[in-house]
Amino acid sequence: MKTTMDPPITLELPLSAPDPAPGCGVCQALARQRAEALAAGNASRATDCNVEIRNHPHPTRAGGTS
């Protein structure tokens, strides 16, 4: 039986919104969708767009192809 407390949880600050890659239509479309989601108050969808922009591959990103 455990009688001690767990250590405190450390939360990091959220990542800032990524910039769409210049000249990439997919990233530009995701940035527009993100803006629309934020305007509609849908932070969950905006976060999904941020993740997709961050993970969209580009030749200039490490390990990326496209």
N, C-alpha and C. Protein backbone atom coordinates (compact mmCIF):
# COMPACT_ATOMS: atom_id res chain seq x y z
N MET A 1 0.84 -1.17 0.00
CA MET A 1 0.00 0.00 0.00
C MET A 1 0.89 1.24 0.00
N LYS A 2 0.62 2.13 -0.95
CA LYS A 2 1.41 3.34 -1.08
C LYS A 2 0.92 4.39 -0.09
N THR A 3 1.87 4.99 0.66
CA THR A 3 1.47 5.99 1.65
C THR A 3 2.07 7.37 1.38
N THR A 4 2.74 7.53 0.25
CA THR A 4 3.32 8.84 -0.09
C THR A 4 2.61 9.40 -1.32
N MET A 5 2.72 10.71 -1.46
CA MET A 5 2.08 11.36 -2.60
C MET A 5 2.98 11.27 -3.84
N ASP A 6 2.32 11.30 -4.99
CA ASP A 6 3.06 11.37 -6.25
C ASP A 6 3.67 12.76 -6.39
N PRO A 7 4.76 12.88 -7.18
CA PRO A 7 5.33 14.21 -7.40
C PRO A 7 4.34 15.08 -8.19
N PRO A 8 4.49 16.40 -8.13
CA PRO A 8 3.56 17.27 -8.84
C PRO A 8 3.68 17.08 -10.36
N ILE A 9 2.57 17.33 -11.03
CA ILE A 9 2.54 17.25 -12.48
C ILE A 9 3.11 18.54 -13.05
N THR A 10 3.98 18.43 -14.03
CA THR A 10 4.54 19.60 -14.68
C THR A 10 3.93 19.72 -16.07
N LEU A 11 3.27 20.83 -16.32
CA LEU A 11 2.67 21.07 -17.62
C LEU A 11 3.50 22.09 -18.38
N GLU A 12 3.69 21.86 -19.66
CA GLU A 12 4.43 22.80 -20.48
C GLU A 12 3.46 23.78 -21.12
N LEU A 13 3.97 24.91 -21.53
CA LEU A 13 3.15 25.86 -22.26
C LEU A 13 2.78 25.26 -23.60
N PRO A 14 1.59 25.57 -24.12
CA PRO A 14 1.22 25.03 -25.43
C PRO A 14 2.13 25.60 -26.53
N LEU A 15 2.30 24.82 -27.58
CA LEU A 15 3.10 25.27 -28.71
C LEU A 15 2.40 26.42 -29.41
N SER A 16 3.17 27.31 -29.99
CA SER A 16 2.55 28.40 -30.75
C SER A 16 2.07 27.85 -32.09
N ALA A 17 1.16 28.57 -32.69
CA ALA A 17 0.61 28.13 -33.98
C ALA A 17 1.71 28.15 -35.04
N PRO A 18 1.87 27.06 -35.78
CA PRO A 18 2.92 27.02 -36.80
C PRO A 18 2.55 27.87 -38.01
N ASP A 19 3.56 28.41 -38.66
CA ASP A 19 3.35 29.14 -39.91
C ASP A 19 3.24 28.13 -41.04
N PRO A 20 2.33 28.36 -41.98
CA PRO A 20 2.27 27.46 -43.14
C PRO A 20 3.52 27.61 -43.98
N ALA A 21 3.97 26.52 -44.59
CA ALA A 21 5.16 26.57 -45.44
C ALA A 21 4.87 27.44 -46.66
N PRO A 22 5.79 28.34 -47.00
CA PRO A 22 5.58 29.19 -48.17
C PRO A 22 5.39 28.36 -49.44
N GLY A 23 4.40 28.71 -50.21
CA GLY A 23 4.16 28.04 -51.49
C GLY A 23 3.48 26.69 -51.39
N CYS A 24 3.11 26.25 -50.20
CA CYS A 24 2.46 24.95 -50.05
C CYS A 24 0.95 25.16 -49.94
N GLY A 25 0.23 24.68 -50.94
CA GLY A 25 -1.22 24.82 -50.96
C GLY A 25 -1.91 24.10 -49.81
N VAL A 26 -1.38 22.95 -49.44
CA VAL A 26 -1.98 22.19 -48.33
C VAL A 26 -1.86 22.98 -47.03
N CYS A 27 -0.67 23.51 -46.75
CA CYS A 27 -0.46 24.28 -45.53
C CYS A 27 -1.30 25.56 -45.54
N GLN A 28 -1.40 26.20 -46.70
CA GLN A 28 -2.21 27.42 -46.81
C GLN A 28 -3.68 27.10 -46.52
N ALA A 29 -4.18 25.99 -47.07
CA ALA A 29 -5.57 25.59 -46.83
C ALA A 29 -5.80 25.28 -45.36
N LEU A 30 -4.85 24.62 -44.74
CA LEU A 30 -4.97 24.29 -43.32
C LEU A 30 -4.96 25.56 -42.47
N ALA A 31 -4.16 26.54 -42.86
CA ALA A 31 -4.11 27.81 -42.13
C ALA A 31 -5.46 28.53 -42.25
N ARG A 32 -6.09 28.48 -43.42
CA ARG A 32 -7.41 29.09 -43.59
C ARG A 32 -8.44 28.36 -42.73
N GLN A 33 -8.38 27.03 -42.72
CA GLN A 33 -9.31 26.24 -41.90
C GLN A 33 -9.10 26.55 -40.42
N ARG A 34 -7.85 26.73 -40.02
CA ARG A 34 -7.55 27.06 -38.63
C ARG A 34 -8.16 28.41 -38.26
N ALA A 35 -8.01 29.40 -39.15
CA ALA A 35 -8.58 30.73 -38.89
C ALA A 35 -10.11 30.66 -38.78
N GLU A 36 -10.72 29.88 -39.66
CA GLU A 36 -12.18 29.72 -39.62
C GLU A 36 -12.62 29.03 -38.33
N ALA A 37 -11.87 28.02 -37.92
CA ALA A 37 -12.19 27.30 -36.69
C ALA A 37 -12.08 28.22 -35.48
N LEU A 38 -11.03 29.02 -35.44
CA LEU A 38 -10.86 29.95 -34.32
C LEU A 38 -11.98 30.99 -34.31
N ALA A 39 -12.36 31.48 -35.49
CA ALA A 39 -13.44 32.47 -35.58
C ALA A 39 -14.77 31.88 -35.09
N ALA A 40 -14.94 30.57 -35.30
CA ALA A 40 -16.17 29.89 -34.87
C ALA A 40 -16.09 29.41 -33.43
N GLY A 41 -14.94 29.63 -32.78
CA GLY A 41 -14.77 29.19 -31.40
C GLY A 41 -14.45 27.72 -31.25
N ASN A 42 -13.98 27.09 -32.33
CA ASN A 42 -13.68 25.66 -32.31
C ASN A 42 -12.17 25.46 -32.12
N ALA A 43 -11.72 25.57 -30.87
CA ALA A 43 -10.29 25.44 -30.57
C ALA A 43 -9.77 24.04 -30.87
N SER A 44 -10.62 23.03 -30.73
CA SER A 44 -10.20 21.65 -31.00
C SER A 44 -9.82 21.49 -32.48
N ARG A 45 -10.66 21.99 -33.37
CA ARG A 45 -10.36 21.90 -34.81
C ARG A 45 -9.13 22.73 -35.16
N ALA A 46 -8.99 23.90 -34.54
CA ALA A 46 -7.81 24.74 -34.79
C ALA A 46 -6.54 23.99 -34.37
N THR A 47 -6.60 23.29 -33.25
CA THR A 47 -5.44 22.51 -32.80
C THR A 47 -5.15 21.37 -33.77
N ASP A 48 -6.19 20.73 -34.28
CA ASP A 48 -6.00 19.68 -35.29
C ASP A 48 -5.28 20.23 -36.51
N CYS A 49 -5.67 21.42 -36.95
CA CYS A 49 -5.02 22.06 -38.11
C CYS A 49 -3.55 22.34 -37.80
N ASN A 50 -3.27 22.81 -36.59
CA ASN A 50 -1.88 23.07 -36.20
C ASN A 50 -1.04 21.80 -36.28
N VAL A 51 -1.59 20.70 -35.80
CA VAL A 51 -0.87 19.42 -35.83
C VAL A 51 -0.62 19.01 -37.28
N GLU A 52 -1.63 19.16 -38.13
CA GLU A 52 -1.46 18.78 -39.53
C GLU A 52 -0.42 19.65 -40.23
N ILE A 53 -0.42 20.96 -39.94
CA ILE A 53 0.58 21.85 -40.54
C ILE A 53 1.98 21.44 -40.07
N ARG A 54 2.12 21.19 -38.78
CA ARG A 54 3.43 20.80 -38.24
C ARG A 54 3.94 19.49 -38.85
N ASN A 55 3.03 18.56 -39.11
CA ASN A 55 3.43 17.24 -39.58
C ASN A 55 3.45 17.11 -41.09
N HIS A 56 3.00 18.12 -41.82
CA HIS A 56 3.00 18.02 -43.28
C HIS A 56 4.43 18.06 -43.79
N PRO A 57 4.82 17.06 -44.57
CA PRO A 57 6.22 16.97 -45.01
C PRO A 57 6.59 18.00 -46.07
N HIS A 58 7.80 18.52 -45.96
CA HIS A 58 8.38 19.43 -46.94
C HIS A 58 9.86 19.12 -47.06
N PRO A 59 10.44 19.34 -48.21
CA PRO A 59 11.88 19.02 -48.40
C PRO A 59 12.78 19.78 -47.44
N THR A 60 12.39 20.99 -46.99
CA THR A 60 13.25 21.78 -46.12
C THR A 60 13.17 21.36 -44.67
N ARG A 61 12.20 20.52 -44.33
CA ARG A 61 12.06 20.06 -42.94
C ARG A 61 12.86 18.77 -42.78
N ALA A 62 13.35 18.58 -41.58
CA ALA A 62 14.16 17.39 -41.30
C ALA A 62 13.36 16.13 -41.57
N GLY A 63 13.89 15.28 -42.42
CA GLY A 63 13.25 14.02 -42.71
C GLY A 63 12.06 14.12 -43.62
N GLY A 64 11.72 15.33 -44.07
CA GLY A 64 10.53 15.52 -44.88
C GLY A 64 10.78 15.25 -46.34
N THR A 65 9.71 14.88 -47.01
CA THR A 65 9.74 14.71 -48.46
C THR A 65 8.45 15.27 -49.01
N SER A 66 8.41 15.60 -50.24
CA SER A 66 7.17 16.02 -50.83
C SER A 66 7.45 16.43 -52.24
